[in-house]
Amino acid sequence: MNTRSKIKIIIALIVIGSAVGYLLYEAAQSSWVYYYSVDEFVASRPSAATQADDRRIIRLAGQVKTDSIVTNTEKMQLDFELAGRKNSVSVRFYGAVPRNFAADKEVVVEGKVEPGGLFEASKILTRCESKYKARRIGDR
């Protein structure tokens, strides 16, 4: 094998390796969605407004405020307040509500900020408490 053939093979391997690396990076980056606490989100409102302009997906984590849940079964609409330690955000969701969604529960909502400031959620993520509770010895 001459030097010219070796150089072509090396260049081809570099190009293929770079393409595979780029595709893996892009695939991983699209699944990395950071979530904000409600207080972080409210504190960074100007940057959140910028994100609302280009309609990026945002995740917010907080607790469903007591007595804030309003449902409209005809429209399959759920409105509630998502609370942090100091602040809260109004959330609207259309669709089937997760079974373990309730007041005073920790949830993560995924969606976009509307121009009026309302957070329109496309997903509500809840935890199944039975999976996270510690079992006592002897429990089944």
Foldseek 3Di string as FASTA:
>chain_A
DDPVVVVVVVVVVVVVVVVVVVVVVVVVVVPDADAAEQVRCVVPVVVLLVCLVVFDKHKYKAFWAPPFWDADVVQQKIWTWGDDPPDIAIEIEHDDDDPPDDHGFIWMFMGHADPVGHGYGDDIGGDDVVVVDDDDPPDD
